[in-house]
PDB file of N, CA and C in Angstrom:
ATOM      1  N   MET A   1     -81.563  21.636 -84.431  1.00  0.00           N
ATOM      2  CA  MET A   1     -81.923  21.368 -85.928  1.00  0.00           C
ATOM      3  C   MET A   1     -81.429  20.038 -86.365  1.00  0.00           C
ATOM      4  N   VAL A   2     -81.759  19.194 -86.858  1.00  0.00           N
ATOM      5  CA  VAL A   2     -80.879  18.187 -87.758  1.00  0.00           C
ATOM      6  C   VAL A   2     -80.858  18.145 -89.176  1.00  0.00           C
ATOM      7  N   CYS A   3     -79.673  17.816 -89.963  1.00  0.00           N
ATOM      8  CA  CYS A   3     -79.666  17.820 -91.476  1.00  0.00           C
ATOM      9  C   CYS A   3     -78.462  16.862 -91.793  1.00  0.00           C
ATOM     10  N   SER A   4     -78.598  16.043 -92.198  1.00  0.00           N
ATOM     11  CA  SER A   4     -78.420  14.862 -93.210  1.00  0.00           C
ATOM     12  C   SER A   4     -77.341  14.551 -93.945  1.00  0.00           C
ATOM     13  N   ILE A   5     -76.499  14.491 -94.430  1.00  0.00           N
ATOM     14  CA  ILE A   5     -75.238  13.977 -94.945  1.00  0.00           C
ATOM     15  C   ILE A   5     -75.571  14.344 -97.142  1.00  0.00           C
ATOM     16  N   ASN A   6     -76.438  13.768 -96.292  1.00  0.00           N
ATOM     17  CA  ASN A   6     -77.347  14.013 -98.174  1.00  0.00           C
ATOM     18  C   ASN A   6     -78.135  15.461 -98.376  1.00  0.00           C
ATOM     19  N   SER A   7     -78.684  15.531 -97.683  1.00  0.00           N
ATOM     20  CA  SER A   7     -79.649  16.858 -97.841  1.00  0.00           C
ATOM     21  C   SER A   7     -78.098  18.511 -97.327  1.00  0.00           C
ATOM     22  N   LEU A   8     -77.709  17.693 -97.168  1.00  0.00           N
ATOM     23  CA  LEU A   8     -75.831  19.052 -98.173  1.00  0.00           C
ATOM     24  C   LEU A   8     -75.878  18.978 -98.479  1.00  0.00           C
ATOM     25  N   LYS A   9     -75.540  18.224 -99.165  1.00  0.00           N
ATOM     26  CA  LYS A   9     -75.478  18.061-100.313  1.00  0.00           C
ATOM     27  C   LYS A   9     -76.748  18.540-101.520  1.00  0.00           C
ATOM     28  N   GLU A  10     -78.065  19.066-101.231  1.00  0.00           N
ATOM     29  CA  GLU A  10     -78.586  19.338-102.431  1.00  0.00           C
ATOM     30  C   GLU A  10     -78.554  20.851-101.046  1.00  0.00           C
ATOM     31  N   LYS A  11     -77.507  21.484-100.747  1.00  0.00           N
ATOM     32  CA  LYS A  11     -77.923  23.050 -99.995  1.00  0.00           C
ATOM     33  C   LYS A  11     -76.465  23.924-100.776  1.00  0.00           C
ATOM     34  N   GLU A  12     -76.585  24.835-102.142  1.00  0.00           N
ATOM     35  CA  GLU A  12     -76.257  25.992-102.331  1.00  0.00           C
ATOM     36  C   GLU A  12     -75.606  26.186-101.774  1.00  0.00           C
ATOM     37  N   VAL A  13     -74.051  26.519-102.157  1.00  0.00           N
ATOM     38  CA  VAL A  13     -73.234  27.899-101.077  1.00  0.00           C
ATOM     39  C   VAL A  13     -73.180  28.864-101.294  1.00  0.00           C
ATOM     40  N   ILE A  14     -73.094  29.844-100.830  1.00  0.00           N
ATOM     41  CA  ILE A  14     -73.278  31.353-101.090  1.00  0.00           C
ATOM     42  C   ILE A  14     -72.112  31.786 -99.400  1.00  0.00           C
ATOM     43  N   ASN A  15     -70.800  32.821-100.501  1.00  0.00           N
ATOM     44  CA  ASN A  15     -70.068  33.209 -99.448  1.00  0.00           C
ATOM     45  C   ASN A  15     -70.768  34.717 -99.195  1.00  0.00           C
ATOM     46  N   VAL A  16     -71.026  35.235 -98.205  1.00  0.00           N
ATOM     47  CA  VAL A  16     -71.762  36.277 -97.375  1.00  0.00           C
ATOM     48  C   VAL A  16     -71.239  37.260 -97.653  1.00  0.00           C
ATOM     49  N   LYS A  17     -69.461  37.330 -97.854  1.00  0.00           N
ATOM     50  CA  LYS A  17     -68.721  38.498 -97.525  1.00  0.00           C
ATOM     51  C   LYS A  17     -68.482  38.928 -99.587  1.00  0.00           C
ATOM     52  N   ASP A  18     -68.961  38.290-100.154  1.00  0.00           N
ATOM     53  CA  ASP A  18     -69.018  38.871-102.199  1.00  0.00           C
ATOM     54  C   ASP A  18     -70.205  38.360-102.145  1.00  0.00           C
ATOM     55  N   GLY A  19     -70.856  37.297-101.976  1.00  0.00           N
ATOM     56  CA  GLY A  19     -72.323  37.117-103.009  1.00  0.00           C
ATOM     57  C   GLY A  19     -71.321  35.770-103.961  1.00  0.00           C
ATOM     58  N   ALA A  20     -70.580  35.747-104.133  1.00  0.00           N
ATOM     59  CA  ALA A  20     -69.934  33.886-104.619  1.00  0.00           C
ATOM     60  C   ALA A  20     -70.829  32.865-104.645  1.00  0.00           C
ATOM     61  N   ARG A  21     -71.420  32.424-105.658  1.00  0.00           N
ATOM     62  CA  ARG A  21     -71.989  31.373-105.115  1.00  0.00           C
ATOM     63  C   ARG A  21     -70.765  30.108-105.789  1.00  0.00           C
ATOM     64  N   LEU A  22     -71.038  29.445-104.350  1.00  0.00           N
ATOM     65  CA  LEU A  22     -69.253  28.954-104.927  1.00  0.00           C
ATOM     66  C   LEU A  22     -69.814  27.070-105.146  1.00  0.00           C
ATOM     67  N   GLY A  23     -70.716  26.606-104.376  1.00  0.00           N
ATOM     68  CA  GLY A  23     -71.206  25.492-105.915  1.00  0.00           C
ATOM     69  C   GLY A  23     -72.265  24.705-104.785  1.00  0.00           C
ATOM     70  N   PHE A  24     -72.094  23.619-104.556  1.00  0.00           N
ATOM     71  CA  PHE A  24     -72.956  22.940-104.145  1.00  0.00           C
ATOM     72  C   PHE A  24     -71.793  21.516-103.081  1.00  0.00           C
ATOM     73  N   ALA A  25     -72.422  21.601-101.793  1.00  0.00           N
ATOM     74  CA  ALA A  25     -71.444  20.767-100.605  1.00  0.00           C
ATOM     75  C   ALA A  25     -71.628  18.919-101.509  1.00  0.00           C
ATOM     76  N   GLY A  26     -70.129  19.134-101.573  1.00  0.00           N
ATOM     77  CA  GLY A  26     -70.212  16.929-101.599  1.00  0.00           C
ATOM     78  C   GLY A  26     -69.824  15.846-100.987  1.00  0.00           C
ATOM     79  N   ASP A  27     -69.038  16.285-100.075  1.00  0.00           N
ATOM     80  CA  ASP A  27     -68.125  15.665 -98.853  1.00  0.00           C
ATOM     81  C   ASP A  27     -68.739  16.519 -97.616  1.00  0.00           C
ATOM     82  N   VAL A  28     -68.253  15.617 -96.696  1.00  0.00           N
ATOM     83  CA  VAL A  28     -67.787  15.896 -95.289  1.00  0.00           C
ATOM     84  C   VAL A  28     -67.135  15.411 -94.719  1.00  0.00           C
ATOM     85  N   GLU A  29     -65.879  16.764 -93.531  1.00  0.00           N
ATOM     86  CA  GLU A  29     -65.121  15.700 -92.911  1.00  0.00           C
ATOM     87  C   GLU A  29     -65.592  16.023 -91.228  1.00  0.00           C
ATOM     88  N   VAL A  30     -66.291  14.556 -90.834  1.00  0.00           N
ATOM     89  CA  VAL A  30     -65.895  14.566 -89.231  1.00  0.00           C
ATOM     90  C   VAL A  30     -64.791  14.520 -88.967  1.00  0.00           C
ATOM     91  N   ASP A  31     -64.853  14.312 -87.594  1.00  0.00           N
ATOM     92  CA  ASP A  31     -63.593  13.741 -86.569  1.00  0.00           C
ATOM     93  C   ASP A  31     -63.862  12.527 -85.797  1.00  0.00           C
ATOM     94  N   LEU A  32     -63.748  11.457 -85.942  1.00  0.00           N
ATOM     95  CA  LEU A  32     -64.665  10.650 -85.966  1.00  0.00           C
ATOM     96  C   LEU A  32     -64.134   9.612 -84.037  1.00  0.00           C
ATOM     97  N   GLU A  33     -63.087   9.913 -83.197  1.00  0.00           N
ATOM     98  CA  GLU A  33     -63.518  10.711 -82.276  1.00  0.00           C
ATOM     99  C   GLU A  33     -64.465  11.258 -81.431  1.00  0.00           C
ATOM    100  N   SER A  34     -64.319  12.290 -81.916  1.00  0.00           N
ATOM    101  CA  SER A  34     -65.189  14.140 -81.050  1.00  0.00           C
ATOM    102  C   SER A  34     -66.750  13.521 -81.556  1.00  0.00           C
ATOM    103  N   GLY A  35     -67.056  13.174 -83.129  1.00  0.00           N
ATOM    104  CA  GLY A  35     -68.107  12.810 -84.225  1.00  0.00           C
ATOM    105  C   GLY A  35     -68.754  14.596 -84.336  1.00  0.00           C
ATOM    106  N   ARG A  36     -67.255  15.077 -84.049  1.00  0.00           N
ATOM    107  CA  ARG A  36     -67.681  16.485 -84.132  1.00  0.00           C
ATOM    108  C   ARG A  36     -67.720  16.912 -85.763  1.00  0.00           C
ATOM    109  N   LEU A  37     -68.094  17.334 -86.746  1.00  0.00           N
ATOM    110  CA  LEU A  37     -68.423  17.905 -88.248  1.00  0.00           C
ATOM    111  C   LEU A  37     -67.194  19.005 -88.785  1.00  0.00           C
ATOM    112  N   ILE A  38     -66.446  18.821 -89.394  1.00  0.00           N
ATOM    113  CA  ILE A  38     -64.729  19.661 -88.886  1.00  0.00           C
ATOM    114  C   ILE A  38     -64.839  20.575 -90.394  1.00  0.00           C
ATOM    115  N   SER A  39     -65.082  19.818 -91.569  1.00  0.00           N
ATOM    116  CA  SER A  39     -65.231  21.000 -92.614  1.00  0.00           C
ATOM    117  C   SER A  39     -66.354  20.448 -93.457  1.00  0.00           C
ATOM    118  N   VAL A  40     -66.873  21.376 -94.476  1.00  0.00           N
ATOM    119  CA  VAL A  40     -67.659  21.186 -95.418  1.00  0.00           C
ATOM    120  C   VAL A  40     -66.859  20.915 -96.934  1.00  0.00           C
ATOM    121  N   ILE A  41     -66.982  19.890 -97.503  1.00  0.00           N
ATOM    122  CA  ILE A  41     -66.350  20.559 -99.035  1.00  0.00           C
ATOM    123  C   ILE A  41     -66.635  20.867-100.345  1.00  0.00           C
ATOM    124  N   ILE A  42     -66.700  21.599-100.983  1.00  0.00           N
ATOM    125  CA  ILE A  42     -66.848  21.739-102.545  1.00  0.00           C
ATOM    126  C   ILE A  42     -65.996  20.937-103.334  1.00  0.00           C
ATOM    127  N   PRO A  43     -66.594  20.317-104.352  1.00  0.00           N
ATOM    128  CA  PRO A  43     -65.806  19.705-105.086  1.00  0.00           C
ATOM    129  C   PRO A  43     -65.225  20.570-106.320  1.00  0.00           C
ATOM    130  N   GLY A  44     -64.138  21.341-107.014  1.00  0.00           N
ATOM    131  CA  GLY A  44     -63.809  21.529-107.815  1.00  0.00           C
ATOM    132  C   GLY A  44     -64.522  21.571-109.198  1.00  0.00           C
ATOM    133  N   ALA A  45     -64.102  22.820-109.519  1.00  0.00           N
ATOM    134  CA  ALA A  45     -65.200  22.912-111.179  1.00  0.00           C
ATOM    135  C   ALA A  45     -64.879  22.052-111.879  1.00  0.00           C
ATOM    136  N   TYR A  46     -65.531  21.121-112.652  1.00  0.00           N
ATOM    137  CA  TYR A  46     -63.878  20.925-113.967  1.00  0.00           C
ATOM    138  C   TYR A  46     -63.757  22.103-114.968  1.00  0.00           C
ATOM    139  N   LYS A  47     -62.701  21.453-115.838  1.00  0.00           N
ATOM    140  CA  LYS A  47     -62.041  22.803-116.858  1.00  0.00           C
ATOM    141  C   LYS A  47     -62.528  22.182-117.775  1.00  0.00           C
ATOM    142  N   LEU A  48     -62.997  22.997-119.407  1.00  0.00           N
ATOM    143  CA  LEU A  48     -63.166  22.677-120.328  1.00  0.00           C
ATOM    144  C   LEU A  48     -63.593  21.510-120.397  1.00  0.00           C
ATOM    145  N   ALA A  49     -64.799  21.219-119.943  1.00  0.00           N
ATOM    146  CA  ALA A  49     -66.051  19.977-120.377  1.00  0.00           C
ATOM    147  C   ALA A  49     -64.968  18.413-120.023  1.00  0.00           C
ATOM    148  N   GLY A  50     -64.575  18.853-118.612  1.00  0.00           N
ATOM    149  CA  GLY A  50     -63.957  18.400-117.810  1.00  0.00           C
ATOM    150  C   GLY A  50     -62.550  17.477-118.319  1.00  0.00           C
ATOM    151  N   LEU A  51     -61.957  17.923-119.837  1.00  0.00           N
ATOM    152  CA  LEU A  51     -60.875  17.804-120.993  1.00  0.00           C
ATOM    153  C   LEU A  51     -59.733  17.884-119.835  1.00  0.00           C
ATOM    154  N   PHE A  52     -59.263  18.361-118.875  1.00  0.00           N
ATOM    155  CA  PHE A  52     -57.838  18.645-118.496  1.00  0.00           C
ATOM    156  C   PHE A  52     -58.473  18.715-116.916  1.00  0.00           C
ATOM    157  N   GLY A  53     -59.086  18.075-116.170  1.00  0.00           N
ATOM    158  CA  GLY A  53     -59.842  17.170-115.134  1.00  0.00           C
ATOM    159  C   GLY A  53     -60.006  18.264-114.360  1.00  0.00           C
ATOM    160  N   ARG A  54     -59.896  18.933-112.959  1.00  0.00           N
ATOM    161  CA  ARG A  54     -61.002  19.847-112.214  1.00  0.00           C
ATOM    162  C   ARG A  54     -60.755  20.905-111.741  1.00  0.00           C
ATOM    163  N   GLU A  55     -60.533  22.033-110.867  1.00  0.00           N
ATOM    164  CA  GLU A  55     -59.694  22.726-110.421  1.00  0.00           C
ATOM    165  C   GLU A  55     -60.040  22.333-108.356  1.00  0.00           C
ATOM    166  N   GLN A  56     -59.210  22.979-108.222  1.00  0.00           N
ATOM    167  CA  GLN A  56     -58.870  22.606-106.482  1.00  0.00           C
ATOM    168  C   GLN A  56     -60.426  23.235-105.805  1.00  0.00           C
ATOM    169  N   ASP A  57     -60.395  21.183-105.277  1.00  0.00           N
ATOM    170  CA  ASP A  57     -61.872  21.667-104.513  1.00  0.00           C
ATOM    171  C   ASP A  57     -61.647  22.736-103.259  1.00  0.00           C
ATOM    172  N   ILE A  58     -62.766  22.805-102.206  1.00  0.00           N
ATOM    173  CA  ILE A  58     -63.157  23.857-101.849  1.00  0.00           C
ATOM    174  C   ILE A  58     -63.461  23.670-100.405  1.00  0.00           C
ATOM    175  N   VAL A  59     -62.267  23.567 -99.233  1.00  0.00           N
ATOM    176  CA  VAL A  59     -62.622  23.591 -97.858  1.00  0.00           C
ATOM    177  C   VAL A  59     -63.137  24.292 -97.444  1.00  0.00           C
ATOM    178  N   ILE A  60     -64.492  24.127 -96.475  1.00  0.00           N
ATOM    179  CA  ILE A  60     -64.579  25.264 -95.593  1.00  0.00           C
ATOM    180  C   ILE A  60     -64.752  24.676 -93.808  1.00  0.00           C
ATOM    181  N   LYS A  61     -64.383  24.563 -93.060  1.00  0.00           N
ATOM    182  CA  LYS A  61     -63.910  25.032 -92.178  1.00  0.00           C
ATOM    183  C   LYS A  61     -65.340  25.297 -91.099  1.00  0.00           C
ATOM    184  N   TRP A  62     -65.541  24.382 -90.439  1.00  0.00           N
ATOM    185  CA  TRP A  62     -67.124  24.620 -89.851  1.00  0.00           C
ATOM    186  C   TRP A  62     -67.300  26.388 -89.116  1.00  0.00           C
ATOM    187  N   GLU A  63     -65.864  26.273 -88.777  1.00  0.00           N
ATOM    188  CA  GLU A  63     -66.171  27.882 -88.269  1.00  0.00           C
ATOM    189  C   GLU A  63     -66.860  28.681 -89.325  1.00  0.00           C
ATOM    190  N   ASP A  64     -66.738  28.859 -90.017  1.00  0.00           N
ATOM    191  CA  ASP A  64     -66.460  29.645 -91.380  1.00  0.00           C
ATOM    192  C   ASP A  64     -68.487  29.619 -91.612  1.00  0.00           C
ATOM    193  N   ILE A  65     -69.122  28.400 -91.370  1.00  0.00           N
ATOM    194  CA  ILE A  65     -70.563  28.405 -91.856  1.00  0.00           C
ATOM    195  C   ILE A  65     -70.727  28.811 -90.574  1.00  0.00           C
ATOM    196  N   LYS A  66     -71.692  30.174 -91.590  1.00  0.00           N
ATOM    197  CA  LYS A  66     -72.676  31.294 -90.736  1.00  0.00           C
ATOM    198  C   LYS A  66     -74.548  30.795 -90.663  1.00  0.00           C
ATOM    199  N   LYS A  67     -75.208  30.040 -91.260  1.00  0.00           N
ATOM    200  CA  LYS A  67     -75.939  29.587 -91.198  1.00  0.00           C
ATOM    201  C   LYS A  67     -76.264  29.123 -92.293  1.00  0.00           C
ATOM    202  N   ILE A  68     -77.248  27.352 -91.735  1.00  0.00           N
ATOM    203  CA  ILE A  68     -78.160  26.253 -92.809  1.00  0.00           C
ATOM    204  C   ILE A  68     -78.635  26.743 -92.770  1.00  0.00           C
ATOM    205  N   GLY A  69     -79.966  27.305 -93.694  1.00  0.00           N
ATOM    206  CA  GLY A  69     -81.359  27.307 -94.208  1.00  0.00           C
ATOM    207  C   GLY A  69     -81.657  25.519 -95.272  1.00  0.00           C
ATOM    208  N   ASP A  70     -82.938  25.927 -95.298  1.00  0.00           N
ATOM    209  CA  ASP A  70     -83.451  24.893 -96.519  1.00  0.00           C
ATOM    210  C   ASP A  70     -82.775  25.072 -97.848  1.00  0.00           C
ATOM    211  N   ASP A  71     -82.725  25.594 -97.823  1.00  0.00           N
ATOM    212  CA  ASP A  71     -81.882  25.502 -99.835  1.00  0.00           C
ATOM    213  C   ASP A  71     -80.910  26.259 -99.606  1.00  0.00           C
ATOM    214  N   LEU A  72     -79.814  26.445 -99.084  1.00  0.00           N
ATOM    215  CA  LEU A  72     -78.432  26.846 -98.712  1.00  0.00           C
ATOM    216  C   LEU A  72     -78.125  27.683 -97.550  1.00  0.00           C
ATOM    217  N   ILE A  73     -76.188  27.277 -97.933  1.00  0.00           N
ATOM    218  CA  ILE A  73     -75.654  27.268 -96.964  1.00  0.00           C
ATOM    219  C   ILE A  73     -74.942  28.205 -97.199  1.00  0.00           C
ATOM    220  N   ILE A  74     -75.164  29.906 -95.944  1.00  0.00           N
ATOM    221  CA  ILE A  74     -74.356  30.932 -96.222  1.00  0.00           C
ATOM    222  C   ILE A  74     -73.179  30.465 -95.240  1.00  0.00           C
ATOM    223  N   VAL A  75     -71.739  31.095 -95.820  1.00  0.00           N
ATOM    224  CA  VAL A  75     -70.486  31.029 -95.513  1.00  0.00           C
ATOM    225  C   VAL A  75     -70.272  32.194 -95.328  1.00  0.00           C
ATOM    226  N   GLU A  76     -68.683  32.449 -94.408  1.00  0.00           N
ATOM    227  CA  GLU A  76     -67.910  33.477 -94.486  1.00  0.00           C
ATOM    228  C   GLU A  76     -66.507  33.360 -94.496  1.00  0.00           C
ATOM    229  N   MET A  77     -66.089  33.468 -95.703  1.00  0.00           N
ATOM    230  CA  MET A  77     -64.674  33.549 -95.906  1.00  0.00           C
ATOM    231  C   MET A  77     -63.918  34.310 -96.667  1.00  0.00           C
TER     232      MET A  77
END
């Protein structure tokens, strides 16, 4: 299966352990030497309409990703 970074951003991330909706993939980390995807990053939610910044980003290691589907990324964290 081939998937572009832009198409990853359209997928919602769900934690299979507790069913939590973590958000949408915002960025990825890639090892440039090996060309391997290291992690998917979900931007932290805004606090109080963005006036007080954002919560910490969620970094999901590639090993924690269980399935990438058409609309979802299923993780186990």
